[in-house]
Amino acid sequence: AGFVDVAVHPFVPGVLSRVAGRKP
């Protein structure tokens, strides 16, 4: 979609992840 700096972060370890990105 055009997001940059996309990274995966644990949110609830072993259950939920948070994948975040920034619009340039």
mmCIF file of all heavy atoms, coordinates in Angstrom:
data_MODEL
# 
_entry.id   MODEL 
# 
loop_
_atom_site.group_PDB 
_atom_site.id 
_atom_site.type_symbol 
_atom_site.label_atom_id 
_atom_site.label_alt_id 
_atom_site.label_comp_id 
_atom_site.label_asym_id 
_atom_site.label_entity_id 
_atom_site.label_seq_id 
_atom_site.pdbx_PDB_ins_code 
_atom_site.Cartn_x 
_atom_site.Cartn_y 
_atom_site.Cartn_z 
_atom_site.occupancy 
_atom_site.B_iso_or_equiv 
_atom_site.pdbx_formal_charge 
_atom_site.auth_seq_id 
_atom_site.auth_comp_id 
_atom_site.auth_asym_id 
_atom_site.auth_atom_id 
_atom_site.pdbx_PDB_model_num 
ATOM 1   N N   . ALA A 1 1  ? 0.818  -1.212  0.000  1.00 0.00 ? 1  ALA A N   1 
ATOM 2   C CA  . ALA A 1 1  ? 0.000  0.000   0.000  1.00 0.00 ? 1  ALA A CA  1 
ATOM 3   C C   . ALA A 1 1  ? 0.852  1.262   0.000  1.00 0.00 ? 1  ALA A C   1 
ATOM 4   O O   . ALA A 1 1  ? 0.336  2.360   -0.200 1.00 0.00 ? 1  ALA A O   1 
ATOM 5   C CB  . ALA A 1 1  ? -0.924 0.011   1.219  1.00 0.00 ? 1  ALA A CB  1 
ATOM 6   N N   . GLY A 1 2  ? 2.166  1.121   0.245  1.00 0.00 ? 2  GLY A N   1 
ATOM 7   C CA  . GLY A 1 2  ? 3.059  2.279   0.249  1.00 0.00 ? 2  GLY A CA  1 
ATOM 8   C C   . GLY A 1 2  ? 3.662  2.619   1.597  1.00 0.00 ? 2  GLY A C   1 
ATOM 9   O O   . GLY A 1 2  ? 4.414  3.586   1.710  1.00 0.00 ? 2  GLY A O   1 
ATOM 10  N N   . PHE A 1 3  ? 3.340  1.846   2.634  1.00 0.00 ? 3  PHE A N   1 
ATOM 11  C CA  . PHE A 1 3  ? 3.911  2.118   3.950  1.00 0.00 ? 3  PHE A CA  1 
ATOM 12  C C   . PHE A 1 3  ? 5.405  1.807   3.951  1.00 0.00 ? 3  PHE A C   1 
ATOM 13  O O   . PHE A 1 3  ? 5.871  0.920   3.240  1.00 0.00 ? 3  PHE A O   1 
ATOM 14  C CB  . PHE A 1 3  ? 3.220  1.290   5.035  1.00 0.00 ? 3  PHE A CB  1 
ATOM 15  C CG  . PHE A 1 3  ? 1.836  1.766   5.370  1.00 0.00 ? 3  PHE A CG  1 
ATOM 16  C CD1 . PHE A 1 3  ? 0.725  1.201   4.768  1.00 0.00 ? 3  PHE A CD1 1 
ATOM 17  C CD2 . PHE A 1 3  ? 1.645  2.795   6.280  1.00 0.00 ? 3  PHE A CD2 1 
ATOM 18  C CE1 . PHE A 1 3  ? -0.560 1.629   5.072  1.00 0.00 ? 3  PHE A CE1 1 
ATOM 19  C CE2 . PHE A 1 3  ? 0.371  3.239   6.592  1.00 0.00 ? 3  PHE A CE2 1 
ATOM 20  C CZ  . PHE A 1 3  ? -0.742 2.660   5.987  1.00 0.00 ? 3  PHE A CZ  1 
ATOM 21  N N   . VAL A 1 4  ? 6.146  2.558   4.767  1.00 0.00 ? 4  VAL A N   1 
ATOM 22  C CA  . VAL A 1 4  ? 7.581  2.353   4.943  1.00 0.00 ? 4  VAL A CA  1 
ATOM 23  C C   . VAL A 1 4  ? 7.856  2.056   6.416  1.00 0.00 ? 4  VAL A C   1 
ATOM 24  O O   . VAL A 1 4  ? 6.972  2.187   7.259  1.00 0.00 ? 4  VAL A O   1 
ATOM 25  C CB  . VAL A 1 4  ? 8.392  3.592   4.477  1.00 0.00 ? 4  VAL A CB  1 
ATOM 26  C CG1 . VAL A 1 4  ? 8.214  3.815   2.975  1.00 0.00 ? 4  VAL A CG1 1 
ATOM 27  C CG2 . VAL A 1 4  ? 8.007  4.843   5.267  1.00 0.00 ? 4  VAL A CG2 1 
ATOM 28  N N   . ASP A 1 5  ? 9.089  1.674   6.693  1.00 0.00 ? 5  ASP A N   1 
ATOM 29  C CA  . ASP A 1 5  ? 9.506  1.335   8.060  1.00 0.00 ? 5  ASP A CA  1 
ATOM 30  C C   . ASP A 1 5  ? 8.585  0.284   8.679  1.00 0.00 ? 5  ASP A C   1 
ATOM 31  O O   . ASP A 1 5  ? 8.250  0.345   9.861  1.00 0.00 ? 5  ASP A O   1 
ATOM 32  C CB  . ASP A 1 5  ? 9.553  2.580   8.966  1.00 0.00 ? 5  ASP A CB  1 
ATOM 33  C CG  . ASP A 1 5  ? 10.470 3.663   8.436  1.00 0.00 ? 5  ASP A CG  1 
ATOM 34  O OD1 . ASP A 1 5  ? 11.488 3.310   7.803  1.00 0.00 ? 5  ASP A OD1 1 
ATOM 35  O OD2 . ASP A 1 5  ? 10.176 4.852   8.642  1.00 0.00 ? 5  ASP A OD2 1 
ATOM 36  N N   . VAL A 1 6  ? 8.175  -0.677  7.864  1.00 0.00 ? 6  VAL A N   1 
ATOM 37  C CA  . VAL A 1 6  ? 7.249  -1.720  8.320  1.00 0.00 ? 6  VAL A CA  1 
ATOM 38  C C   . VAL A 1 6  ? 8.021  -2.727  9.164  1.00 0.00 ? 6  VAL A C   1 
ATOM 39  O O   . VAL A 1 6  ? 9.081  -3.213  8.759  1.00 0.00 ? 6  VAL A O   1 
ATOM 40  C CB  . VAL A 1 6  ? 6.568  -2.411  7.122  1.00 0.00 ? 6  VAL A CB  1 
ATOM 41  C CG1 . VAL A 1 6  ? 5.669  -3.540  7.588  1.00 0.00 ? 6  VAL A CG1 1 
ATOM 42  C CG2 . VAL A 1 6  ? 5.788  -1.394  6.299  1.00 0.00 ? 6  VAL A CG2 1 
ATOM 43  N N   . ALA A 1 7  ? 7.500  -3.026  10.335 1.00 0.00 ? 7  ALA A N   1 
ATOM 44  C CA  . ALA A 1 7  ? 8.169  -3.949  11.247 1.00 0.00 ? 7  ALA A CA  1 
ATOM 45  C C   . ALA A 1 7  ? 7.139  -4.719  12.066 1.00 0.00 ? 7  ALA A C   1 
ATOM 46  O O   . ALA A 1 7  ? 6.026  -4.248  12.296 1.00 0.00 ? 7  ALA A O   1 
ATOM 47  C CB  . ALA A 1 7  ? 9.110  -3.188  12.180 1.00 0.00 ? 7  ALA A CB  1 
ATOM 48  N N   . VAL A 1 8  ? 7.555  -5.906  12.512 1.00 0.00 ? 8  VAL A N   1 
ATOM 49  C CA  . VAL A 1 8  ? 6.735  -6.761  13.367 1.00 0.00 ? 8  VAL A CA  1 
ATOM 50  C C   . VAL A 1 8  ? 7.205  -6.599  14.810 1.00 0.00 ? 8  VAL A C   1 
ATOM 51  O O   . VAL A 1 8  ? 8.404  -6.635  15.084 1.00 0.00 ? 8  VAL A O   1 
ATOM 52  C CB  . VAL A 1 8  ? 6.862  -8.245  12.948 1.00 0.00 ? 8  VAL A CB  1 
ATOM 53  C CG1 . VAL A 1 8  ? 6.064  -9.151  13.870 1.00 0.00 ? 8  VAL A CG1 1 
ATOM 54  C CG2 . VAL A 1 8  ? 6.439  -8.436  11.497 1.00 0.00 ? 8  VAL A CG2 1 
ATOM 55  N N   . HIS A 1 9  ? 6.236  -6.424  15.707 1.00 0.00 ? 9  HIS A N   1 
ATOM 56  C CA  . HIS A 1 9  ? 6.524  -6.269  17.132 1.00 0.00 ? 9  HIS A CA  1 
ATOM 57  C C   . HIS A 1 9  ? 5.636  -7.232  17.912 1.00 0.00 ? 9  HIS A C   1 
ATOM 58  O O   . HIS A 1 9  ? 4.452  -7.358  17.594 1.00 0.00 ? 9  HIS A O   1 
ATOM 59  C CB  . HIS A 1 9  ? 6.214  -4.844  17.605 1.00 0.00 ? 9  HIS A CB  1 
ATOM 60  C CG  . HIS A 1 9  ? 6.813  -3.775  16.753 1.00 0.00 ? 9  HIS A CG  1 
ATOM 61  N ND1 . HIS A 1 9  ? 8.093  -3.324  16.941 1.00 0.00 ? 9  HIS A ND1 1 
ATOM 62  C CD2 . HIS A 1 9  ? 6.311  -3.086  15.704 1.00 0.00 ? 9  HIS A CD2 1 
ATOM 63  C CE1 . HIS A 1 9  ? 8.347  -2.385  16.035 1.00 0.00 ? 9  HIS A CE1 1 
ATOM 64  N NE2 . HIS A 1 9  ? 7.292  -2.225  15.281 1.00 0.00 ? 9  HIS A NE2 1 
ATOM 65  N N   . PRO A 1 10 ? 6.159  -7.888  18.951 1.00 0.00 ? 10 PRO A N   1 
ATOM 66  C CA  . PRO A 1 10 ? 5.267  -8.689  19.794 1.00 0.00 ? 10 PRO A CA  1 
ATOM 67  C C   . PRO A 1 10 ? 4.266  -7.762  20.487 1.00 0.00 ? 10 PRO A C   1 
ATOM 68  O O   . PRO A 1 10 ? 4.623  -6.666  20.892 1.00 0.00 ? 10 PRO A O   1 
ATOM 69  C CB  . PRO A 1 10 ? 6.196  -9.330  20.818 1.00 0.00 ? 10 PRO A CB  1 
ATOM 70  C CG  . PRO A 1 10 ? 7.590  -9.024  20.393 1.00 0.00 ? 10 PRO A CG  1 
ATOM 71  C CD  . PRO A 1 10 ? 7.540  -7.917  19.396 1.00 0.00 ? 10 PRO A CD  1 
ATOM 72  N N   . PHE A 1 11 ? 3.026  -8.185  20.572 1.00 0.00 ? 11 PHE A N   1 
ATOM 73  C CA  . PHE A 1 11 ? 2.001  -7.410  21.280 1.00 0.00 ? 11 PHE A CA  1 
ATOM 74  C C   . PHE A 1 11 ? 1.600  -8.163  22.544 1.00 0.00 ? 11 PHE A C   1 
ATOM 75  O O   . PHE A 1 11 ? 1.712  -7.647  23.630 1.00 0.00 ? 11 PHE A O   1 
ATOM 76  C CB  . PHE A 1 11 ? 0.797  -7.158  20.365 1.00 0.00 ? 11 PHE A CB  1 
ATOM 77  C CG  . PHE A 1 11 ? -0.168 -6.148  20.896 1.00 0.00 ? 11 PHE A CG  1 
ATOM 78  C CD1 . PHE A 1 11 ? 0.158  -4.805  20.922 1.00 0.00 ? 11 PHE A CD1 1 
ATOM 79  C CD2 . PHE A 1 11 ? -1.410 -6.535  21.367 1.00 0.00 ? 11 PHE A CD2 1 
ATOM 80  C CE1 . PHE A 1 11 ? -0.737 -3.859  21.422 1.00 0.00 ? 11 PHE A CE1 1 
ATOM 81  C CE2 . PHE A 1 11 ? -2.307 -5.605  21.867 1.00 0.00 ? 11 PHE A CE2 1 
ATOM 82  C CZ  . PHE A 1 11 ? -1.974 -4.271  21.892 1.00 0.00 ? 11 PHE A CZ  1 
ATOM 83  N N   . VAL A 1 12 ? 1.169  -9.393  22.369 1.00 0.00 ? 12 VAL A N   1 
ATOM 84  C CA  . VAL A 1 12 ? 1.005  -10.345 23.471 1.00 0.00 ? 12 VAL A CA  1 
ATOM 85  C C   . VAL A 1 12 ? 1.875  -11.528 23.056 1.00 0.00 ? 12 VAL A C   1 
ATOM 86  O O   . VAL A 1 12 ? 1.486  -12.306 22.188 1.00 0.00 ? 12 VAL A O   1 
ATOM 87  C CB  . VAL A 1 12 ? -0.459 -10.775 23.673 1.00 0.00 ? 12 VAL A CB  1 
ATOM 88  C CG1 . VAL A 1 12 ? -0.561 -11.833 24.761 1.00 0.00 ? 12 VAL A CG1 1 
ATOM 89  C CG2 . VAL A 1 12 ? -1.348 -9.575  23.991 1.00 0.00 ? 12 VAL A CG2 1 
ATOM 90  N N   . PRO A 1 13 ? 3.095  -11.634 23.601 1.00 0.00 ? 13 PRO A N   1 
ATOM 91  C CA  . PRO A 1 13 ? 4.049  -12.644 23.128 1.00 0.00 ? 13 PRO A CA  1 
ATOM 92  C C   . PRO A 1 13 ? 3.435  -14.043 23.043 1.00 0.00 ? 13 PRO A C   1 
ATOM 93  O O   . PRO A 1 13 ? 2.754  -14.500 23.952 1.00 0.00 ? 13 PRO A O   1 
ATOM 94  C CB  . PRO A 1 13 ? 5.166  -12.590 24.177 1.00 0.00 ? 13 PRO A CB  1 
ATOM 95  C CG  . PRO A 1 13 ? 5.105  -11.173 24.685 1.00 0.00 ? 13 PRO A CG  1 
ATOM 96  C CD  . PRO A 1 13 ? 3.633  -10.836 24.699 1.00 0.00 ? 13 PRO A CD  1 
ATOM 97  N N   . GLY A 1 14 ? 3.659  -14.672 21.886 1.00 0.00 ? 14 GLY A N   1 
ATOM 98  C CA  . GLY A 1 14 ? 3.146  -16.010 21.646 1.00 0.00 ? 14 GLY A CA  1 
ATOM 99  C C   . GLY A 1 14 ? 1.693  -16.052 21.216 1.00 0.00 ? 14 GLY A C   1 
ATOM 100 O O   . GLY A 1 14 ? 1.166  -17.117 20.896 1.00 0.00 ? 14 GLY A O   1 
ATOM 101 N N   . VAL A 1 15 ? 1.029  -14.890 21.193 1.00 0.00 ? 15 VAL A N   1 
ATOM 102 C CA  . VAL A 1 15 ? -0.387 -14.854 20.818 1.00 0.00 ? 15 VAL A CA  1 
ATOM 103 C C   . VAL A 1 15 ? -0.663 -13.820 19.732 1.00 0.00 ? 15 VAL A C   1 
ATOM 104 O O   . VAL A 1 15 ? -1.192 -14.136 18.683 1.00 0.00 ? 15 VAL A O   1 
ATOM 105 C CB  . VAL A 1 15 ? -1.290 -14.571 22.050 1.00 0.00 ? 15 VAL A CB  1 
ATOM 106 C CG1 . VAL A 1 15 ? -2.756 -14.528 21.662 1.00 0.00 ? 15 VAL A CG1 1 
ATOM 107 C CG2 . VAL A 1 15 ? -1.058 -15.599 23.141 1.00 0.00 ? 15 VAL A CG2 1 
ATOM 108 N N   . LEU A 1 16 ? -0.328 -12.567 19.996 1.00 0.00 ? 16 LEU A N   1 
ATOM 109 C CA  . LEU A 1 16 ? -0.634 -11.469 19.070 1.00 0.00 ? 16 LEU A CA  1 
ATOM 110 C C   . LEU A 1 16 ? 0.643  -10.738 18.670 1.00 0.00 ? 16 LEU A C   1 
ATOM 111 O O   . LEU A 1 16 ? 1.515  -10.488 19.504 1.00 0.00 ? 16 LEU A O   1 
ATOM 112 C CB  . LEU A 1 16 ? -1.568 -10.455 19.717 1.00 0.00 ? 16 LEU A CB  1 
ATOM 113 C CG  . LEU A 1 16 ? -2.959 -10.924 20.121 1.00 0.00 ? 16 LEU A CG  1 
ATOM 114 C CD1 . LEU A 1 16 ? -3.684 -9.818  20.895 1.00 0.00 ? 16 LEU A CD1 1 
ATOM 115 C CD2 . LEU A 1 16 ? -3.766 -11.353 18.922 1.00 0.00 ? 16 LEU A CD2 1 
ATOM 116 N N   . SER A 1 17 ? 0.695  -10.367 17.396 1.00 0.00 ? 17 SER A N   1 
ATOM 117 C CA  . SER A 1 17 ? 1.771  -9.513  16.885 1.00 0.00 ? 17 SER A CA  1 
ATOM 118 C C   . SER A 1 17 ? 1.166  -8.174  16.479 1.00 0.00 ? 17 SER A C   1 
ATOM 119 O O   . SER A 1 17 ? -0.012 -8.081  16.151 1.00 0.00 ? 17 SER A O   1 
ATOM 120 C CB  . SER A 1 17 ? 2.419  -10.142 15.648 1.00 0.00 ? 17 SER A CB  1 
ATOM 121 O OG  . SER A 1 17 ? 3.050  -11.335 15.975 1.00 0.00 ? 17 SER A OG  1 
ATOM 122 N N   . ARG A 1 18 ? 2.018  -7.154  16.494 1.00 0.00 ? 18 ARG A N   1 
ATOM 123 C CA  . ARG A 1 18 ? 1.632  -5.833  15.985 1.00 0.00 ? 18 ARG A CA  1 
ATOM 124 C C   . ARG A 1 18 ? 2.554  -5.534  14.809 1.00 0.00 ? 18 ARG A C   1 
ATOM 125 O O   . ARG A 1 18 ? 3.768  -5.466  14.965 1.00 0.00 ? 18 ARG A O   1 
ATOM 126 C CB  . ARG A 1 18 ? 1.786  -4.766  17.072 1.00 0.00 ? 18 ARG A CB  1 
ATOM 127 C CG  . ARG A 1 18 ? 1.451  -3.356  16.587 1.00 0.00 ? 18 ARG A CG  1 
ATOM 128 C CD  . ARG A 1 18 ? 1.559  -2.332  17.715 1.00 0.00 ? 18 ARG A CD  1 
ATOM 129 N NE  . ARG A 1 18 ? 2.880  -2.286  18.332 1.00 0.00 ? 18 ARG A NE  1 
ATOM 130 C CZ  . ARG A 1 18 ? 3.877  -1.518  17.916 1.00 0.00 ? 18 ARG A CZ  1 
ATOM 131 N NH1 . ARG A 1 18 ? 3.731  -0.727  16.850 1.00 0.00 ? 18 ARG A NH1 1 
ATOM 132 N NH2 . ARG A 1 18 ? 5.036  -1.525  18.553 1.00 0.00 ? 18 ARG A NH2 1 
ATOM 133 N N   . VAL A 1 19 ? 1.960  -5.391  13.640 1.00 0.00 ? 19 VAL A N   1 
ATOM 134 C CA  . VAL A 1 19 ? 2.734  -5.051  12.449 1.00 0.00 ? 19 VAL A CA  1 
ATOM 135 C C   . VAL A 1 19 ? 2.413  -3.594  12.139 1.00 0.00 ? 19 VAL A C   1 
ATOM 136 O O   . VAL A 1 19 ? 1.244  -3.234  11.950 1.00 0.00 ? 19 VAL A O   1 
ATOM 137 C CB  . VAL A 1 19 ? 2.389  -5.986  11.273 1.00 0.00 ? 19 VAL A CB  1 
ATOM 138 C CG1 . VAL A 1 19 ? 3.280  -5.655  10.077 1.00 0.00 ? 19 VAL A CG1 1 
ATOM 139 C CG2 . VAL A 1 19 ? 2.535  -7.444  11.668 1.00 0.00 ? 19 VAL A CG2 1 
ATOM 140 N N   . ALA A 1 20 ? 3.439  -2.769  12.129 1.00 0.00 ? 20 ALA A N   1 
ATOM 141 C CA  . ALA A 1 20 ? 3.230  -1.328  11.986 1.00 0.00 ? 20 ALA A CA  1 
ATOM 142 C C   . ALA A 1 20 ? 4.032  -0.777  10.828 1.00 0.00 ? 20 ALA A C   1 
ATOM 143 O O   . ALA A 1 20 ? 5.104  -1.286  10.492 1.00 0.00 ? 20 ALA A O   1 
ATOM 144 C CB  . ALA A 1 20 ? 3.647  -0.615  13.277 1.00 0.00 ? 20 ALA A CB  1 
ATOM 145 N N   . GLY A 1 21 ? 3.479  0.260   10.219 1.00 0.00 ? 21 GLY A N   1 
ATOM 146 C CA  . GLY A 1 21 ? 4.157  0.970   9.153  1.00 0.00 ? 21 GLY A CA  1 
ATOM 147 C C   . GLY A 1 21 ? 3.782  2.428   9.167  1.00 0.00 ? 21 GLY A C   1 
ATOM 148 O O   . GLY A 1 21 ? 2.787  2.821   9.787  1.00 0.00 ? 21 GLY A O   1 
ATOM 149 N N   . ARG A 1 22 ? 4.572  3.235   8.480  1.00 0.00 ? 22 ARG A N   1 
ATOM 150 C CA  . ARG A 1 22 ? 4.395  4.691   8.442  1.00 0.00 ? 22 ARG A CA  1 
ATOM 151 C C   . ARG A 1 22 ? 4.178  5.151   7.009  1.00 0.00 ? 22 ARG A C   1 
ATOM 152 O O   . ARG A 1 22 ? 4.841  4.679   6.091  1.00 0.00 ? 22 ARG A O   1 
ATOM 153 C CB  . ARG A 1 22 ? 5.642  5.358   9.039  1.00 0.00 ? 22 ARG A CB  1 
ATOM 154 C CG  . ARG A 1 22 ? 5.583  6.869   9.131  1.00 0.00 ? 22 ARG A CG  1 
ATOM 155 C CD  . ARG A 1 22 ? 6.866  7.459   9.706  1.00 0.00 ? 22 ARG A CD  1 
ATOM 156 N NE  . ARG A 1 22 ? 8.072  7.034   8.987  1.00 0.00 ? 22 ARG A NE  1 
ATOM 157 C CZ  . ARG A 1 22 ? 8.472  7.547   7.814  1.00 0.00 ? 22 ARG A CZ  1 
ATOM 158 N NH1 . ARG A 1 22 ? 7.772  8.485   7.227  1.00 0.00 ? 22 ARG A NH1 1 
ATOM 159 N NH2 . ARG A 1 22 ? 9.585  7.112   7.251  1.00 0.00 ? 22 ARG A NH2 1 
ATOM 160 N N   . LYS A 1 23 ? 3.239  6.079   6.836  1.00 0.00 ? 23 LYS A N   1 
ATOM 161 C CA  . LYS A 1 23 ? 3.025  6.697   5.527  1.00 0.00 ? 23 LYS A CA  1 
ATOM 162 C C   . LYS A 1 23 ? 4.147  7.712   5.297  1.00 0.00 ? 23 LYS A C   1 
ATOM 163 O O   . LYS A 1 23 ? 4.396  8.554   6.166  1.00 0.00 ? 23 LYS A O   1 
ATOM 164 C CB  . LYS A 1 23 ? 1.658  7.395   5.482  1.00 0.00 ? 23 LYS A CB  1 
ATOM 165 C CG  . LYS A 1 23 ? 1.332  8.010   4.148  1.00 0.00 ? 23 LYS A CG  1 
ATOM 166 C CD  . LYS A 1 23 ? -0.096 8.559   4.142  1.00 0.00 ? 23 LYS A CD  1 
ATOM 167 C CE  . LYS A 1 23 ? -0.430 9.185   2.790  1.00 0.00 ? 23 LYS A CE  1 
ATOM 168 N NZ  . LYS A 1 23 ? -1.864 9.570   2.749  1.00 0.00 ? 23 LYS A NZ  1 
ATOM 169 N N   . PRO A 1 24 ? 4.839  7.638   4.170  1.00 0.00 ? 24 PRO A N   1 
ATOM 170 C CA  . PRO A 1 24 ? 5.944  8.578   3.943  1.00 0.00 ? 24 PRO A CA  1 
ATOM 171 C C   . PRO A 1 24 ? 5.461  10.027  3.970  1.00 0.00 ? 24 PRO A C   1 
ATOM 172 O O   . PRO A 1 24 ? 4.314  10.313  3.659  1.00 0.00 ? 24 PRO A O   1 
ATOM 173 C CB  . PRO A 1 24 ? 6.449  8.215   2.538  1.00 0.00 ? 24 PRO A CB  1 
ATOM 174 C CG  . PRO A 1 24 ? 5.921  6.855   2.271  1.00 0.00 ? 24 PRO A CG  1 
ATOM 175 C CD  . PRO A 1 24 ? 4.652  6.717   3.062  1.00 0.00 ? 24 PRO A CD  1 
# 
